[in-house]
Amino acid sequence: MKGSLRIAKIFNIPVEVHWSFLFLFVYVIYLAFKESWGVWGAVSASLFVLILFLCVVLHEFGHALMARRFDVQTRDITLYPIGGVARLERLPRKPVQEFWVAIAGPLVNVAIALVLLPVLLLLGTDTILEVFYSLYNQSDSDNFYFPSNLPVYAYVALGLIGLNLTLAIFNLIPAFPMDGGRVLRAILSHFMGHLKATRIASIVGQVIAIYFVYNGIMGDGSVTQVFIGVFVFLAAGSEAKAANMENSLQELKVKDWMKKDFIHFESTQQLSEILPLVQDAGDREILVFDVWQNPVGTISTFEIIELCLKGGGEKTVSDAMFPIENVLTEEQTLQDALLLFQQSNAKTLPVMRQYELIGILELNQIYTIHQVLNKSGKQKSSIFNGIKKWTNGKD
């Protein structure tokens, strides 16, 4: 992902850290000196944050590996200051699959807490009872404390148990984009379909988000709670829009929207050779063929002109093209096409009829079609019915 640094690749899934993650350590160091923890206090707090985010990575791998069981691949896992994100190539097809993928992350956190519980047995019965007694009698949530006579490993274990359980409970709040919102949608989808379930889950998420913001401003909350509320509100709205887009595109076929008139060149041609042929073509996507006339990639006219201006005219088209990994068939829906675009990061895909190239489809076309269909009320219905008649040859 743009703006991120890859730090590992585990189970063939890239793990990346977003640049904003550094602000978390800046804040921890600032807090350490503000509270007079000293250098070792700052180092200890930073190490604890690293261990915490290791738990976050394991949480995201819970999602990713469960998704893989349902043939859904994960593009990458990215760490942000507020948590992690596992980017799946697509949503699981069935509600029960989405349920297990969503709940797998929190279950990993619960499992970590359970694994750490035996560590506390090393403290002895009397000390364990003292710990739970002190936790039970906490009167000030802002000044949380444990007994002062515990060994270091006990503080670490108790901290990680508490934080992992907190992560599990917080993520199960039924609000997008948190896991609880997806669990709620999966359950509702079983009874009423994906689109309606998404709309209801999005509304529930936005109501919870409004409460977060209200409590953060007017109640006993904090600025962090306001930030989370705003983020959840916007994310829930985005989920509803994405579901509407998916529903609209499911009724339209690739064959009715593909372009049959397109520019193509061979991969062995030099950029300087084809430059005069594309200068007046506008910003268009060009299909690239190999010597056997198979589509192997795409390149835009803008990229050709830019490379030639930078002295790269001697390069061949194959040196600069974006390779094609997927092709479309004419009977696929635009929603199927959108998923293939997202998986391949391509801007243009060829449309094949068995072994015959019959057209191309561009990602921008799908977005434009959705914008047209995203009109409200009667106008949307009129446009949609008109498109259906046109695609069926009734006009």
Protein backbone atom coordinates (compact mmCIF):
# COMPACT_ATOMS: atom_id res chain seq x y z
CA MET A 1 0.00 0.00 0.00
CA LYS A 2 1.18 3.52 -0.80
CA GLY A 3 2.92 5.24 2.13
CA SER A 4 3.78 1.93 3.82
CA LEU A 5 7.02 0.04 4.46
CA ARG A 6 7.08 -3.73 4.08
CA ILE A 7 8.67 -5.35 7.14
CA ALA A 8 7.88 -9.03 6.55
CA LYS A 9 6.11 -11.58 4.40
CA ILE A 10 4.45 -14.37 6.38
CA PHE A 11 2.36 -17.15 4.83
CA ASN A 12 2.93 -15.30 1.55
CA ILE A 13 1.09 -12.24 2.94
CA PRO A 14 3.03 -8.94 3.03
CA VAL A 15 3.08 -7.19 6.42
CA GLU A 16 3.52 -3.42 6.16
CA VAL A 17 3.77 -0.47 8.52
CA HIS A 18 2.20 2.85 7.54
CA TRP A 19 4.42 5.91 8.03
CA SER A 20 1.92 7.39 10.53
CA PHE A 21 2.74 4.48 12.87
CA LEU A 22 5.83 6.45 13.97
CA PHE A 23 3.58 9.02 15.65
CA LEU A 24 2.58 6.36 18.17
CA PHE A 25 6.16 6.03 19.42
CA VAL A 26 6.57 9.80 19.46
CA TYR A 27 3.50 9.98 21.70
CA VAL A 28 4.77 7.19 23.98
CA ILE A 29 8.15 8.93 24.42
CA TYR A 30 6.41 12.25 25.07
CA LEU A 31 4.17 10.62 27.69
CA ALA A 32 7.15 8.92 29.33
CA PHE A 33 9.00 12.19 29.88
CA LYS A 34 5.83 14.05 30.82
CA GLU A 35 5.09 11.50 33.55
CA SER A 36 8.78 11.34 34.59
CA TRP A 37 9.18 7.66 33.72
CA GLY A 38 12.77 8.23 32.67
CA VAL A 39 14.68 6.69 29.78
CA TRP A 40 14.10 3.10 30.85
CA GLY A 41 10.44 3.86 31.32
CA ALA A 42 10.22 5.18 27.76
CA VAL A 43 12.07 2.13 26.42
CA SER A 44 9.84 -0.25 28.40
CA ALA A 45 6.68 1.49 27.20
CA SER A 46 7.91 1.36 23.58
CA LEU A 47 8.66 -2.36 23.90
CA PHE A 48 5.22 -2.94 25.36
CA VAL A 49 3.66 -1.13 22.38
CA LEU A 50 5.63 -3.39 20.02
CA ILE A 51 4.37 -6.49 21.86
CA LEU A 52 0.82 -5.11 21.73
CA PHE A 53 1.05 -4.60 17.99
CA LEU A 54 2.41 -8.10 17.59
CA CYS A 55 -0.94 -9.16 19.05
CA VAL A 56 -2.66 -6.90 16.50
CA VAL A 57 -0.72 -8.60 13.69
CA LEU A 58 -1.81 -12.02 15.01
CA HIS A 59 -5.39 -10.69 15.12
CA GLU A 60 -5.19 -9.72 11.43
CA PHE A 61 -3.63 -13.07 10.51
CA GLY A 62 -6.65 -14.67 12.16
CA HIS A 63 -8.82 -12.92 9.55
CA ALA A 64 -6.42 -13.62 6.68
CA LEU A 65 -5.89 -17.34 7.34
CA MET A 66 -9.59 -17.96 7.94
CA ALA A 67 -10.36 -16.16 4.66
CA ARG A 68 -7.82 -18.38 2.88
CA ARG A 69 -9.82 -21.42 3.97
CA PHE A 70 -12.68 -20.02 1.87
CA ASP A 71 -10.41 -19.32 -1.15
CA VAL A 72 -10.19 -15.60 -0.39
CA GLN A 73 -6.65 -14.24 -0.61
CA THR A 74 -5.25 -11.32 1.39
CA ARG A 75 -3.36 -8.56 -0.44
CA ASP A 76 -1.50 -7.33 2.63
CA ILE A 77 -1.71 -6.50 6.33
CA THR A 78 -0.96 -2.89 7.24
CA LEU A 79 -0.36 -1.47 10.72
CA TYR A 80 -1.67 1.99 11.62
CA PRO A 81 -1.48 3.88 14.96
CA ILE A 82 -5.09 2.87 15.70
CA GLY A 83 -4.74 -0.79 14.70
CA GLY A 84 -4.27 -3.08 11.74
CA VAL A 85 -6.09 -3.78 8.48
CA ALA A 86 -6.07 -7.02 6.50
CA ARG A 87 -7.02 -6.17 2.90
CA LEU A 88 -8.94 -9.10 1.44
CA GLU A 89 -9.21 -9.39 -2.34
CA ARG A 90 -12.97 -9.84 -1.99
CA LEU A 91 -15.65 -10.57 0.57
CA PRO A 92 -16.51 -14.21 1.26
CA ARG A 93 -19.48 -15.35 -0.84
CA LYS A 94 -21.61 -16.85 1.92
CA PRO A 95 -22.82 -15.23 5.18
CA VAL A 96 -21.45 -18.10 7.28
CA GLN A 97 -18.03 -17.59 5.69
CA GLU A 98 -18.07 -13.85 6.39
CA PHE A 99 -19.08 -14.65 9.99
CA TRP A 100 -16.08 -16.89 10.58
CA VAL A 101 -13.64 -14.55 8.83
CA ALA A 102 -14.88 -11.60 10.92
CA ILE A 103 -14.88 -13.38 14.27
CA ALA A 104 -11.52 -15.11 13.75
CA GLY A 105 -9.59 -11.95 14.71
CA PRO A 106 -11.20 -11.44 18.15
CA LEU A 107 -10.95 -15.18 18.81
CA VAL A 108 -7.17 -14.93 18.33
CA ASN A 109 -7.04 -12.22 21.01
CA VAL A 110 -9.08 -14.37 23.39
CA ALA A 111 -6.73 -17.28 22.67
CA ILE A 112 -3.67 -15.11 23.48
CA ALA A 113 -5.25 -14.12 26.80
CA LEU A 114 -5.98 -17.78 27.64
CA VAL A 115 -2.41 -18.81 26.77
CA LEU A 116 -1.04 -16.14 29.12
CA LEU A 117 -3.31 -17.04 32.04
CA PRO A 118 -1.12 -19.96 33.25
CA VAL A 119 1.74 -17.47 33.72
CA LEU A 120 -0.20 -16.02 36.64
CA LEU A 121 -0.17 -19.41 38.37
CA LEU A 122 3.53 -18.82 39.05
CA LEU A 123 2.53 -16.04 41.44
CA GLY A 124 0.88 -18.31 43.95
CA THR A 125 -2.72 -18.38 45.18
CA ASP A 126 -2.48 -15.52 47.68
CA THR A 127 -0.92 -13.10 45.17
CA ILE A 128 -3.48 -14.00 42.47
CA LEU A 129 -6.31 -13.31 44.92
CA GLU A 130 -4.69 -9.97 45.81
CA VAL A 131 -4.47 -9.05 42.10
CA PHE A 132 -8.13 -9.85 41.44
CA TYR A 133 -9.18 -8.10 44.64
CA SER A 134 -7.34 -4.92 43.60
CA LEU A 135 -8.90 -5.10 40.11
CA TYR A 136 -12.38 -5.61 41.56
CA ASN A 137 -12.03 -2.60 43.85
CA GLN A 138 -10.78 -0.11 41.24
CA SER A 139 -12.58 3.18 41.89
CA ASP A 140 -10.76 5.43 39.41
CA SER A 141 -10.55 4.15 35.84
CA ASP A 142 -8.08 6.91 34.94
CA ASN A 143 -5.59 5.69 37.57
CA PHE A 144 -5.62 1.97 36.96
CA TYR A 145 -3.15 0.03 39.13
CA PHE A 146 -1.90 -3.42 40.12
CA PRO A 147 -0.32 -4.41 43.47
CA SER A 148 3.19 -2.95 43.70
CA ASN A 149 4.97 -6.14 44.79
CA LEU A 150 4.53 -8.15 41.59
CA PRO A 151 7.45 -9.41 39.45
CA VAL A 152 7.97 -7.84 36.01
CA TYR A 153 6.67 -10.86 34.07
CA ALA A 154 3.38 -10.63 35.98
CA TYR A 155 2.86 -6.98 34.99
CA VAL A 156 3.55 -7.84 31.33
CA ALA A 157 1.22 -10.86 31.39
CA LEU A 158 -1.58 -8.97 33.16
CA GLY A 159 -1.21 -6.04 30.78
CA LEU A 160 -1.34 -8.24 27.68
CA ILE A 161 -4.27 -10.28 29.00
CA GLY A 162 -6.21 -7.11 29.72
CA LEU A 163 -5.35 -5.46 26.39
CA ASN A 164 -6.12 -8.58 24.32
CA LEU A 165 -9.49 -8.98 26.01
CA THR A 166 -10.13 -5.27 25.45
CA LEU A 167 -9.22 -5.63 21.76
CA ALA A 168 -11.57 -8.60 21.41
CA ILE A 169 -14.50 -6.83 23.12
CA PHE A 170 -13.93 -3.50 21.35
CA ASN A 171 -13.71 -5.15 17.92
CA LEU A 172 -16.97 -6.99 18.53
CA ILE A 173 -18.92 -3.71 18.86
CA PRO A 174 -21.48 -4.02 16.02
CA ALA A 175 -20.21 -1.07 13.99
CA PHE A 176 -18.37 -1.00 10.65
CA PRO A 177 -15.48 -1.30 9.98
CA MET A 178 -14.95 -3.25 13.21
CA ASP A 179 -15.36 -7.01 13.24
CA GLY A 180 -18.62 -6.80 15.17
CA GLY A 181 -20.21 -4.87 12.30
CA ARG A 182 -19.28 -7.64 9.88
CA VAL A 183 -20.50 -10.32 12.28
CA LEU A 184 -23.84 -8.47 12.51
CA ARG A 185 -24.07 -8.20 8.71
CA ALA A 186 -23.27 -11.89 8.28
CA ILE A 187 -26.05 -12.88 10.69
CA LEU A 188 -28.58 -10.50 9.08
CA SER A 189 -27.56 -11.60 5.56
CA HIS A 190 -28.69 -15.12 6.39
CA PHE A 191 -32.25 -13.83 6.80
CA MET A 192 -32.62 -10.82 4.47
CA GLY A 193 -29.86 -10.73 1.86
CA HIS A 194 -26.53 -8.93 1.65
CA LEU A 195 -27.71 -5.46 0.57
CA LYS A 196 -30.44 -4.99 3.19
CA ALA A 197 -28.22 -6.48 5.89
CA THR A 198 -25.43 -4.04 5.01
CA ARG A 199 -27.81 -1.07 5.16
CA ILE A 200 -29.10 -2.07 8.61
CA ALA A 201 -25.61 -2.83 9.94
CA SER A 202 -24.38 0.53 8.59
CA ILE A 203 -27.20 2.40 10.35
CA VAL A 204 -26.44 0.58 13.61
CA GLY A 205 -22.77 1.46 13.22
CA GLN A 206 -23.51 5.14 12.58
CA VAL A 207 -25.80 5.34 15.63
CA ILE A 208 -23.00 3.89 17.78
CA ALA A 209 -20.55 6.32 16.16
CA ILE A 210 -22.78 9.29 17.04
CA TYR A 211 -22.86 8.09 20.65
CA PHE A 212 -19.04 7.90 20.66
CA VAL A 213 -18.78 11.49 19.42
CA TYR A 214 -21.45 12.75 21.87
CA ASN A 215 -19.84 11.00 24.84
CA GLY A 216 -16.40 12.24 23.80
CA ILE A 217 -17.58 15.87 23.69
CA MET A 218 -20.32 16.07 26.32
CA GLY A 219 -19.62 13.09 28.57
CA ASP A 220 -16.62 11.46 30.21
CA GLY A 221 -14.97 10.45 26.93
CA SER A 222 -11.87 11.80 25.23
CA VAL A 223 -10.62 13.23 21.95
CA THR A 224 -9.67 9.69 20.93
CA GLN A 225 -13.28 8.60 21.34
CA VAL A 226 -14.43 11.49 19.13
CA PHE A 227 -11.88 10.50 16.49
CA ILE A 228 -13.00 6.86 16.58
CA GLY A 229 -16.65 7.94 16.34
CA VAL A 230 -16.02 10.07 13.25
CA PHE A 231 -13.96 7.29 11.64
CA VAL A 232 -16.65 4.65 12.31
CA PHE A 233 -19.42 6.94 11.02
CA LEU A 234 -17.63 7.53 7.71
CA ALA A 235 -16.58 3.89 7.33
CA ALA A 236 -20.15 2.65 7.93
CA GLY A 237 -21.39 5.00 5.22
CA SER A 238 -18.72 3.74 2.83
CA GLU A 239 -19.79 0.14 3.42
CA ALA A 240 -23.39 1.02 2.53
CA LYS A 241 -22.27 2.77 -0.67
CA ALA A 242 -20.10 -0.19 -1.67
CA ALA A 243 -23.05 -2.56 -1.17
CA ASN A 244 -25.29 -0.33 -3.30
CA MET A 245 -22.63 -0.30 -6.02
CA GLU A 246 -22.34 -4.09 -5.93
CA ASN A 247 -26.11 -4.50 -6.18
CA SER A 248 -26.35 -2.12 -9.17
CA LEU A 249 -23.51 -3.77 -11.10
CA GLN A 250 -24.80 -7.32 -10.63
CA GLU A 251 -27.53 -6.76 -13.21
CA LEU A 252 -25.26 -5.50 -15.99
CA LYS A 253 -23.21 -7.68 -18.34
CA VAL A 254 -19.67 -7.04 -19.58
CA LYS A 255 -20.70 -7.68 -23.20
CA ASP A 256 -23.07 -4.69 -23.16
CA TRP A 257 -20.45 -2.21 -21.87
CA MET A 258 -17.13 -3.32 -23.33
CA LYS A 259 -15.34 -1.20 -25.92
CA LYS A 260 -15.00 -2.86 -29.31
CA ASP A 261 -12.90 -0.03 -30.75
CA PHE A 262 -9.50 0.10 -29.08
CA ILE A 263 -5.83 0.76 -29.85
CA HIS A 264 -3.29 -2.08 -29.68
CA PHE A 265 0.44 -2.53 -30.29
CA GLU A 266 2.92 -5.37 -30.11
CA SER A 267 5.14 -5.74 -27.05
CA THR A 268 8.33 -5.67 -29.16
CA GLN A 269 7.67 -2.22 -30.65
CA GLN A 270 9.70 0.74 -29.39
CA LEU A 271 7.95 3.62 -27.64
CA SER A 272 9.47 6.16 -30.03
CA GLU A 273 8.01 4.16 -32.92
CA ILE A 274 4.44 4.35 -31.66
CA LEU A 275 4.64 7.88 -30.19
CA PRO A 276 3.43 9.63 -33.40
CA LEU A 277 0.43 7.26 -33.48
CA VAL A 278 -0.82 8.14 -29.99
CA GLN A 279 -0.02 11.84 -29.59
CA ASP A 280 -3.49 12.90 -30.73
CA ALA A 281 -5.38 9.98 -29.19
CA GLY A 282 -6.03 11.60 -25.82
CA ASP A 283 -5.45 9.77 -22.55
CA ARG A 284 -6.47 6.22 -23.50
CA GLU A 285 -5.55 2.75 -22.37
CA ILE A 286 -3.75 0.68 -25.04
CA LEU A 287 -3.78 -3.10 -25.22
CA VAL A 288 -0.42 -4.84 -25.75
CA PHE A 289 -0.10 -8.09 -27.74
CA ASP A 290 2.77 -10.56 -27.86
CA VAL A 291 4.10 -11.95 -31.17
CA TRP A 292 1.37 -14.64 -31.11
CA GLN A 293 -1.30 -11.93 -30.85
CA ASN A 294 -2.24 -12.76 -27.25
CA PRO A 295 -3.06 -9.84 -24.89
CA VAL A 296 -0.24 -9.57 -22.36
CA GLY A 297 -0.50 -6.07 -20.91
CA THR A 298 -1.77 -2.49 -21.05
CA ILE A 299 -0.16 0.93 -21.25
CA SER A 300 -1.69 4.41 -21.40
CA THR A 301 -0.95 7.02 -24.04
CA PHE A 302 0.06 9.38 -21.21
CA GLU A 303 2.70 6.91 -20.00
CA ILE A 304 4.12 6.54 -23.52
CA ILE A 305 4.42 10.31 -24.01
CA GLU A 306 5.90 10.81 -20.52
CA LEU A 307 8.56 8.12 -20.99
CA CYS A 308 9.54 9.50 -24.40
CA LEU A 309 9.89 13.02 -22.97
CA LYS A 310 12.19 11.61 -20.27
CA GLY A 311 14.44 9.97 -22.85
CA GLY A 312 12.98 6.49 -22.65
CA GLY A 313 11.89 6.26 -26.28
CA GLU A 314 14.29 3.35 -26.94
CA LYS A 315 12.42 1.12 -24.49
CA THR A 316 10.04 -1.47 -25.86
CA VAL A 317 6.37 -1.52 -24.96
CA SER A 318 6.92 -4.67 -22.88
CA ASP A 319 9.40 -2.75 -20.68
CA ALA A 320 6.77 -0.18 -19.70
CA MET A 321 3.45 -2.02 -19.87
CA PHE A 322 1.30 -3.19 -16.94
CA PRO A 323 1.10 -7.01 -17.25
CA ILE A 324 -2.33 -8.63 -17.56
CA GLU A 325 -3.03 -11.44 -15.10
CA ASN A 326 -6.78 -11.81 -15.66
CA VAL A 327 -9.19 -11.68 -18.57
CA LEU A 328 -12.95 -11.15 -18.68
CA THR A 329 -15.63 -13.11 -20.48
CA GLU A 330 -18.61 -11.43 -22.11
CA GLU A 331 -21.18 -13.11 -19.84
CA GLN A 332 -19.64 -11.92 -16.58
CA THR A 333 -21.35 -9.14 -14.66
CA LEU A 334 -19.77 -5.76 -14.04
CA GLN A 335 -19.54 -6.72 -10.37
CA ASP A 336 -17.42 -9.76 -11.33
CA ALA A 337 -15.30 -7.42 -13.46
CA LEU A 338 -14.85 -4.97 -10.58
CA LEU A 339 -13.55 -7.78 -8.34
CA LEU A 340 -11.02 -8.79 -11.01
CA PHE A 341 -9.88 -5.17 -11.36
CA GLN A 342 -9.40 -4.94 -7.60
CA GLN A 343 -7.46 -8.21 -7.46
CA SER A 344 -5.10 -7.30 -10.29
CA ASN A 345 -4.82 -3.51 -9.74
CA ALA A 346 -5.31 -3.16 -13.51
CA LYS A 347 -7.04 -0.24 -15.23
CA THR A 348 -8.01 -2.18 -18.36
CA LEU A 349 -8.84 -5.84 -18.98
CA PRO A 350 -9.42 -7.70 -22.27
CA VAL A 351 -12.75 -9.41 -22.93
CA MET A 352 -12.45 -12.87 -24.49
CA ARG A 353 -14.86 -15.23 -26.22
CA GLN A 354 -13.05 -18.52 -25.80
CA TYR A 355 -9.72 -17.69 -27.52
CA GLU A 356 -10.98 -14.66 -29.43
CA LEU A 357 -10.44 -11.09 -28.24
CA ILE A 358 -13.72 -9.21 -28.71
CA GLY A 359 -13.20 -6.02 -26.67
CA ILE A 360 -11.79 -4.30 -23.60
CA LEU A 361 -13.32 -2.95 -20.40
CA GLU A 362 -11.84 -0.07 -18.40
CA LEU A 363 -12.17 0.43 -14.66
CA ASN A 364 -13.25 4.04 -15.20
CA GLN A 365 -16.24 2.79 -17.19
CA ILE A 366 -17.52 0.86 -14.18
CA TYR A 367 -17.19 3.87 -11.88
CA THR A 368 -18.97 6.09 -14.42
CA ILE A 369 -21.83 3.59 -14.79
CA HIS A 370 -22.20 3.41 -11.03
CA GLN A 371 -22.32 7.19 -10.71
CA VAL A 372 -25.16 7.26 -13.24
CA LEU A 373 -27.03 4.50 -11.40
CA ASN A 374 -26.45 6.20 -8.06
CA LYS A 375 -29.12 8.81 -8.75
CA SER A 376 -31.91 8.89 -6.21
CA GLY A 377 -35.59 8.05 -6.41
CA LYS A 378 -37.56 8.14 -9.65
CA GLN A 379 -34.64 9.39 -11.74
CA LYS A 380 -32.54 6.38 -10.77
CA SER A 381 -35.38 3.99 -11.60
CA SER A 382 -35.94 5.64 -14.98
CA ILE A 383 -32.23 5.52 -15.91
CA PHE A 384 -31.85 1.93 -14.74
CA ASN A 385 -34.92 0.71 -16.65
CA GLY A 386 -33.70 2.55 -19.76
CA ILE A 387 -30.31 0.83 -19.52
CA LYS A 388 -31.94 -2.58 -19.12
CA LYS A 389 -34.11 -2.02 -22.20
CA TRP A 390 -31.11 -0.84 -24.21
CA THR A 391 -28.97 -3.80 -23.20
CA ASN A 392 -31.83 -6.18 -24.12
CA GLY A 393 -32.25 -4.53 -27.54
CA LYS A 394 -35.77 -3.27 -26.85
CA ASP A 395 -35.16 0.36 -27.79
